[in-house]
PDB file of N, CA and C in Angstrom:
ATOM      1  N   MET A   1     -12.595   9.440  10.738  1.00  0.00           N
ATOM      2  CA  MET A   1     -11.932   8.200  10.382  1.00  0.00           C
ATOM      3  C   MET A   1     -10.714   8.466   9.499  1.00  0.00           C
ATOM      4  N   LEU A   2     -10.850   9.420   8.603  1.00  0.00           N
ATOM      5  CA  LEU A   2      -9.745   9.753   7.696  1.00  0.00           C
ATOM      6  C   LEU A   2      -8.547  10.283   8.478  1.00  0.00           C
ATOM      7  N   ILE A   3      -8.804  11.161   9.428  1.00  0.00           N
ATOM      8  CA  ILE A   3      -7.723  11.729  10.237  1.00  0.00           C
ATOM      9  C   ILE A   3      -7.034  10.626  11.046  1.00  0.00           C
ATOM     10  N   LEU A   4      -7.810   9.703  11.577  1.00  0.00           N
ATOM     11  CA  LEU A   4      -7.254   8.592  12.342  1.00  0.00           C
ATOM     12  C   LEU A   4      -6.348   7.721  11.474  1.00  0.00           C
ATOM     13  N   ALA A   5      -6.763   7.464  10.236  1.00  0.00           N
ATOM     14  CA  ALA A   5      -5.950   6.661   9.320  1.00  0.00           C
ATOM     15  C   ALA A   5      -4.645   7.376   8.978  1.00  0.00           C
ATOM     16  N   ILE A   6      -4.713   8.659   8.739  1.00  0.00           N
ATOM     17  CA  ILE A   6      -3.509   9.427   8.403  1.00  0.00           C
ATOM     18  C   ILE A   6      -2.557   9.477   9.590  1.00  0.00           C
ATOM     19  N   ILE A   7      -3.089   9.639  10.785  1.00  0.00           N
ATOM     20  CA  ILE A   7      -2.241   9.652  11.981  1.00  0.00           C
ATOM     21  C   ILE A   7      -1.575   8.290  12.172  1.00  0.00           C
ATOM     22  N   ALA A   8      -2.328   7.216  11.972  1.00  0.00           N
ATOM     23  CA  ALA A   8      -1.764   5.869  12.116  1.00  0.00           C
ATOM     24  C   ALA A   8      -0.643   5.640  11.103  1.00  0.00           C
ATOM     25  N   TYR A   9      -0.856   6.058   9.870  1.00  0.00           N
ATOM     26  CA  TYR A   9       0.188   5.911   8.857  1.00  0.00           C
ATOM     27  C   TYR A   9       1.410   6.761   9.187  1.00  0.00           C
ATOM     28  N   ALA A  10       1.192   7.945   9.716  1.00  0.00           N
ATOM     29  CA  ALA A  10       2.320   8.810  10.082  1.00  0.00           C
ATOM     30  C   ALA A  10       3.154   8.192  11.197  1.00  0.00           C
ATOM     31  N   ILE A  11       2.489   7.593  12.177  1.00  0.00           N
ATOM     32  CA  ILE A  11       3.217   6.952  13.281  1.00  0.00           C
ATOM     33  C   ILE A  11       4.016   5.758  12.770  1.00  0.00           C
ATOM     34  N   VAL A  12       3.378   4.922  11.963  1.00  0.00           N
ATOM     35  CA  VAL A  12       4.081   3.759  11.410  1.00  0.00           C
ATOM     36  C   VAL A  12       5.247   4.217  10.530  1.00  0.00           C
ATOM     37  N   ALA A  13       5.021   5.217   9.712  1.00  0.00           N
ATOM     38  CA  ALA A  13       6.078   5.717   8.827  1.00  0.00           C
ATOM     39  C   ALA A  13       7.250   6.259   9.631  1.00  0.00           C
ATOM     40  N   PHE A  14       6.967   6.979  10.694  1.00  0.00           N
ATOM     41  CA  PHE A  14       8.030   7.553  11.503  1.00  0.00           C
ATOM     42  C   PHE A  14       8.946   6.468  12.068  1.00  0.00           C
ATOM     43  N   PHE A  15       8.354   5.440  12.651  1.00  0.00           N
ATOM     44  CA  PHE A  15       9.161   4.395  13.274  1.00  0.00           C
ATOM     45  C   PHE A  15       9.796   3.450  12.252  1.00  0.00           C
ATOM     46  N   GLU A  16       9.086   3.154  11.181  1.00  0.00           N
ATOM     47  CA  GLU A  16       9.590   2.193  10.197  1.00  0.00           C
ATOM     48  C   GLU A  16      10.631   2.826   9.271  1.00  0.00           C
ATOM     49  N   PHE A  17      10.320   3.957   8.706  1.00  0.00           N
ATOM     50  CA  PHE A  17      11.192   4.557   7.698  1.00  0.00           C
ATOM     51  C   PHE A  17      12.444   5.176   8.313  1.00  0.00           C
ATOM     52  N   ARG A  18      12.343   5.654   9.523  1.00  0.00           N
ATOM     53  CA  ARG A  18      13.486   6.281  10.179  1.00  0.00           C
ATOM     54  C   ARG A  18      14.626   5.278  10.363  1.00  0.00           C
ATOM     55  N   VAL A  19      14.281   4.060  10.765  1.00  0.00           N
ATOM     56  CA  VAL A  19      15.292   3.031  10.973  1.00  0.00           C
ATOM     57  C   VAL A  19      15.978   2.670   9.648  1.00  0.00           C
ATOM     58  N   LEU A  20      15.186   2.485   8.616  1.00  0.00           N
ATOM     59  CA  LEU A  20      15.762   2.142   7.315  1.00  0.00           C
ATOM     60  C   LEU A  20      16.636   3.270   6.780  1.00  0.00           C
ATOM     61  N   TYR A  21      16.216   4.501   6.996  1.00  0.00           N
ATOM     62  CA  TYR A  21      16.997   5.651   6.526  1.00  0.00           C
ATOM     63  C   TYR A  21      18.325   5.749   7.267  1.00  0.00           C
ATOM     64  N   LYS A  22      18.293   5.569   8.578  1.00  0.00           N
ATOM     65  CA  LYS A  22      19.526   5.666   9.370  1.00  0.00           C
ATOM     66  C   LYS A  22      20.504   4.543   9.036  1.00  0.00           C
ATOM     67  N   GLN A  23      19.984   3.353   8.741  1.00  0.00           N
ATOM     68  CA  GLN A  23      20.845   2.223   8.411  1.00  0.00           C
ATOM     69  C   GLN A  23      21.252   2.222   6.938  1.00  0.00           C
ATOM     70  N   LYS A  24      20.764   3.202   6.189  1.00  0.00           N
ATOM     71  CA  LYS A  24      21.068   3.360   4.767  1.00  0.00           C
ATOM     72  C   LYS A  24      20.690   2.138   3.928  1.00  0.00           C
ATOM     73  N   HIS A  25      19.560   1.554   4.245  1.00  0.00           N
ATOM     74  CA  HIS A  25      18.995   0.469   3.435  1.00  0.00           C
ATOM     75  C   HIS A  25      18.084   1.113   2.396  1.00  0.00           C
ATOM     76  N   TRP A  26      18.684   1.638   1.344  1.00  0.00           N
ATOM     77  CA  TRP A  26      17.940   2.466   0.399  1.00  0.00           C
ATOM     78  C   TRP A  26      16.889   1.690  -0.377  1.00  0.00           C
ATOM     79  N   ASN A  27      17.201   0.462  -0.800  1.00  0.00           N
ATOM     80  CA  ASN A  27      16.198  -0.308  -1.545  1.00  0.00           C
ATOM     81  C   ASN A  27      14.975  -0.593  -0.682  1.00  0.00           C
ATOM     82  N   ASP A  28      15.194  -1.016   0.539  1.00  0.00           N
ATOM     83  CA  ASP A  28      14.076  -1.277   1.444  1.00  0.00           C
ATOM     84  C   ASP A  28      13.323   0.007   1.782  1.00  0.00           C
ATOM     85  N   PHE A  29      14.062   1.083   1.963  1.00  0.00           N
ATOM     86  CA  PHE A  29      13.456   2.370   2.286  1.00  0.00           C
ATOM     87  C   PHE A  29      12.500   2.814   1.179  1.00  0.00           C
ATOM     88  N   TRP A  30      12.979   2.805  -0.061  1.00  0.00           N
ATOM     89  CA  TRP A  30      12.134   3.286  -1.167  1.00  0.00           C
ATOM     90  C   TRP A  30      11.003   2.315  -1.481  1.00  0.00           C
ATOM     91  N   THR A  31      11.237   1.031  -1.306  1.00  0.00           N
ATOM     92  CA  THR A  31      10.154   0.071  -1.502  1.00  0.00           C
ATOM     93  C   THR A  31       9.043   0.302  -0.479  1.00  0.00           C
ATOM     94  N   ASN A  32       9.423   0.514   0.776  1.00  0.00           N
ATOM     95  CA  ASN A  32       8.422   0.792   1.815  1.00  0.00           C
ATOM     96  C   ASN A  32       7.710   2.112   1.576  1.00  0.00           C
ATOM     97  N   ILE A  33       8.425   3.113   1.092  1.00  0.00           N
ATOM     98  CA  ILE A  33       7.787   4.406   0.784  1.00  0.00           C
ATOM     99  C   ILE A  33       6.725   4.226  -0.298  1.00  0.00           C
ATOM    100  N   VAL A  34       7.079   3.552  -1.386  1.00  0.00           N
ATOM    101  CA  VAL A  34       6.139   3.372  -2.503  1.00  0.00           C
ATOM    102  C   VAL A  34       4.926   2.556  -2.063  1.00  0.00           C
ATOM    103  N   LEU A  35       5.164   1.438  -1.366  1.00  0.00           N
ATOM    104  CA  LEU A  35       4.042   0.613  -0.911  1.00  0.00           C
ATOM    105  C   LEU A  35       3.195   1.339   0.130  1.00  0.00           C
ATOM    106  N   GLY A  36       3.840   2.134   0.983  1.00  0.00           N
ATOM    107  CA  GLY A  36       3.092   2.912   1.976  1.00  0.00           C
ATOM    108  C   GLY A  36       2.203   3.966   1.337  1.00  0.00           C
ATOM    109  N   ILE A  37       2.722   4.649   0.325  1.00  0.00           N
ATOM    110  CA  ILE A  37       1.918   5.654  -0.371  1.00  0.00           C
ATOM    111  C   ILE A  37       0.758   4.991  -1.110  1.00  0.00           C
ATOM    112  N   PHE A  38       1.033   3.853  -1.729  1.00  0.00           N
ATOM    113  CA  PHE A  38      -0.032   3.124  -2.420  1.00  0.00           C
ATOM    114  C   PHE A  38      -1.135   2.706  -1.447  1.00  0.00           C
ATOM    115  N   SER A  39      -0.757   2.114  -0.325  1.00  0.00           N
ATOM    116  CA  SER A  39      -1.774   1.658   0.626  1.00  0.00           C
ATOM    117  C   SER A  39      -2.480   2.831   1.299  1.00  0.00           C
ATOM    118  N   LEU A  40      -1.761   3.933   1.546  1.00  0.00           N
ATOM    119  CA  LEU A  40      -2.410   5.123   2.103  1.00  0.00           C
ATOM    120  C   LEU A  40      -3.441   5.686   1.125  1.00  0.00           C
ATOM    121  N   THR A  41      -3.118   5.655  -0.160  1.00  0.00           N
ATOM    122  CA  THR A  41      -4.078   6.114  -1.174  1.00  0.00           C
ATOM    123  C   THR A  41      -5.338   5.270  -1.151  1.00  0.00           C
ATOM    124  N   ILE A  42      -5.183   3.955  -1.048  1.00  0.00           N
ATOM    125  CA  ILE A  42      -6.348   3.066  -0.982  1.00  0.00           C
ATOM    126  C   ILE A  42      -7.174   3.353   0.277  1.00  0.00           C
ATOM    127  N   VAL A  43      -6.513   3.549   1.407  1.00  0.00           N
ATOM    128  CA  VAL A  43      -7.222   3.831   2.663  1.00  0.00           C
ATOM    129  C   VAL A  43      -7.977   5.148   2.577  1.00  0.00           C
ATOM    130  N   VAL A  44      -7.358   6.175   2.014  1.00  0.00           N
ATOM    131  CA  VAL A  44      -8.030   7.472   1.885  1.00  0.00           C
ATOM    132  C   VAL A  44      -9.244   7.347   0.976  1.00  0.00           C
ATOM    133  N   LEU A  45      -9.101   6.639  -0.138  1.00  0.00           N
ATOM    134  CA  LEU A  45     -10.249   6.450  -1.026  1.00  0.00           C
ATOM    135  C   LEU A  45     -11.374   5.685  -0.348  1.00  0.00           C
ATOM    136  N   LEU A  46     -11.030   4.669   0.425  1.00  0.00           N
ATOM    137  CA  LEU A  46     -12.066   3.923   1.153  1.00  0.00           C
ATOM    138  C   LEU A  46     -12.736   4.790   2.217  1.00  0.00           C
ATOM    139  N   CYS A  47     -11.965   5.636   2.885  1.00  0.00           N
ATOM    140  CA  CYS A  47     -12.546   6.530   3.890  1.00  0.00           C
ATOM    141  C   CYS A  47     -13.478   7.566   3.256  1.00  0.00           C
ATOM    142  N   LEU A  48     -13.203   7.912   2.009  1.00  0.00           N
ATOM    143  CA  LEU A  48     -14.044   8.875   1.298  1.00  0.00           C
ATOM    144  C   LEU A  48     -15.190   8.195   0.543  1.00  0.00           C
ATOM    145  N   ASN A  49     -15.396   6.900   0.796  1.00  0.00           N
ATOM    146  CA  ASN A  49     -16.473   6.106   0.192  1.00  0.00           C
ATOM    147  C   ASN A  49     -16.401   6.046  -1.331  1.00  0.00           C
ATOM    148  N   VAL A  50     -15.189   5.990  -1.857  1.00  0.00           N
ATOM    149  CA  VAL A  50     -15.001   5.812  -3.295  1.00  0.00           C
ATOM    150  C   VAL A  50     -15.040   4.320  -3.575  1.00  0.00           C
ATOM    151  N   LYS A  51     -15.836   3.932  -4.564  1.00  0.00           N
ATOM    152  CA  LYS A  51     -15.950   2.508  -4.901  1.00  0.00           C
ATOM    153  C   LYS A  51     -14.702   2.094  -5.678  1.00  0.00           C
ATOM    154  N   ILE A  52     -13.992   1.125  -5.126  1.00  0.00           N
ATOM    155  CA  ILE A  52     -12.774   0.618  -5.741  1.00  0.00           C
ATOM    156  C   ILE A  52     -13.095  -0.764  -6.308  1.00  0.00           C
ATOM    157  N   PRO A  53     -12.862  -0.965  -7.611  1.00  0.00           N
ATOM    158  CA  PRO A  53     -13.199  -2.263  -8.201  1.00  0.00           C
ATOM    159  C   PRO A  53     -12.284  -3.368  -7.681  1.00  0.00           C
ATOM    160  N   SER A  54     -12.830  -4.556  -7.612  1.00  0.00           N
ATOM    161  CA  SER A  54     -12.071  -5.711  -7.142  1.00  0.00           C
ATOM    162  C   SER A  54     -11.135  -6.201  -8.246  1.00  0.00           C
ATOM    163  N   PRO A  55      -9.900  -6.528  -7.891  1.00  0.00           N
ATOM    164  CA  PRO A  55      -8.973  -7.065  -8.894  1.00  0.00           C
ATOM    165  C   PRO A  55      -9.089  -8.584  -9.071  1.00  0.00           C
ATOM    166  N   ALA A  56     -10.103  -9.197  -8.464  1.00  0.00           N
ATOM    167  CA  ALA A  56     -10.208 -10.660  -8.474  1.00  0.00           C
ATOM    168  C   ALA A  56     -10.397 -11.217  -9.889  1.00  0.00           C
ATOM    169  N   LYS A  57     -11.266 -10.627 -10.683  1.00  0.00           N
ATOM    170  CA  LYS A  57     -11.536 -11.148 -12.025  1.00  0.00           C
ATOM    171  C   LYS A  57     -10.313 -11.016 -12.944  1.00  0.00           C
ATOM    172  N   PRO A  58      -9.626  -9.852 -13.002  1.00  0.00           N
ATOM    173  CA  PRO A  58      -8.418  -9.794 -13.841  1.00  0.00           C
ATOM    174  C   PRO A  58      -7.325 -10.776 -13.388  1.00  0.00           C
ATOM    175  N   ILE A  59      -7.191 -10.982 -12.075  1.00  0.00           N
ATOM    176  CA  ILE A  59      -6.198 -11.942 -11.576  1.00  0.00           C
ATOM    177  C   ILE A  59      -6.590 -13.358 -11.984  1.00  0.00           C
ATOM    178  N   GLN A  60      -7.857 -13.669 -11.886  1.00  0.00           N
ATOM    179  CA  GLN A  60      -8.337 -14.982 -12.306  1.00  0.00           C
ATOM    180  C   GLN A  60      -8.084 -15.195 -13.797  1.00  0.00           C
ATOM    181  N   ASN A  61      -8.346 -14.183 -14.624  1.00  0.00           N
ATOM    182  CA  ASN A  61      -8.081 -14.285 -16.050  1.00  0.00           C
ATOM    183  C   ASN A  61      -6.603 -14.484 -16.338  1.00  0.00           C
ATOM    184  N   LEU A  62      -5.742 -13.798 -15.605  1.00  0.00           N
ATOM    185  CA  LEU A  62      -4.298 -13.923 -15.790  1.00  0.00           C
ATOM    186  C   LEU A  62      -3.822 -15.331 -15.442  1.00  0.00           C
ATOM    187  N   VAL A  63      -4.266 -15.833 -14.307  1.00  0.00           N
ATOM    188  CA  VAL A  63      -3.864 -17.186 -13.894  1.00  0.00           C
ATOM    189  C   VAL A  63      -4.394 -18.220 -14.873  1.00  0.00           C
ATOM    190  N   THR A  64      -5.627 -18.044 -15.346  1.00  0.00           N
ATOM    191  CA  THR A  64      -6.200 -18.985 -16.306  1.00  0.00           C
ATOM    192  C   THR A  64      -5.437 -18.946 -17.625  1.00  0.00           C
ATOM    193  N   SER A  65      -5.016 -17.758 -18.049  1.00  0.00           N
ATOM    194  CA  SER A  65      -4.275 -17.668 -19.310  1.00  0.00           C
ATOM    195  C   SER A  65      -2.889 -18.278 -19.201  1.00  0.00           C
ATOM    196  N   ILE A  66      -2.315 -18.262 -18.006  1.00  0.00           N
ATOM    197  CA  ILE A  66      -0.979 -18.829 -17.817  1.00  0.00           C
ATOM    198  C   ILE A  66      -1.051 -20.353 -17.670  1.00  0.00           C
ATOM    199  N   PHE A  67      -1.930 -20.841 -16.803  1.00  0.00           N
ATOM    200  CA  PHE A  67      -1.981 -22.262 -16.478  1.00  0.00           C
ATOM    201  C   PHE A  67      -3.085 -23.030 -17.216  1.00  0.00           C
ATOM    202  N   GLY A  68      -4.016 -22.326 -17.800  1.00  0.00           N
ATOM    203  CA  GLY A  68      -5.137 -22.997 -18.456  1.00  0.00           C
ATOM    204  C   GLY A  68      -6.180 -23.405 -17.430  1.00  0.00           C
ATOM    205  N   LYS A  69      -7.253 -24.025 -17.919  1.00  0.00           N
ATOM    206  CA  LYS A  69      -8.315 -24.418 -16.998  1.00  0.00           C
ATOM    207  C   LYS A  69      -7.953 -25.669 -16.370  1.00  0.00           C
TER     208      LYS A  69
END
């Protein structure tokens, strides 16, 4: 499963990032690189059965602190 995920990310990266690089859209290129690496890290951790905590409670606390109950 891990190899399949890495291959899928490589294919998407090849087609997506190549176009942005050739068109010299540097902000979009680097934003996609950073988000792609972040999501690939999450996928690899999930494939390796690493328990990733849910961000739901901190997000709920943040929204409650901003808007109140």
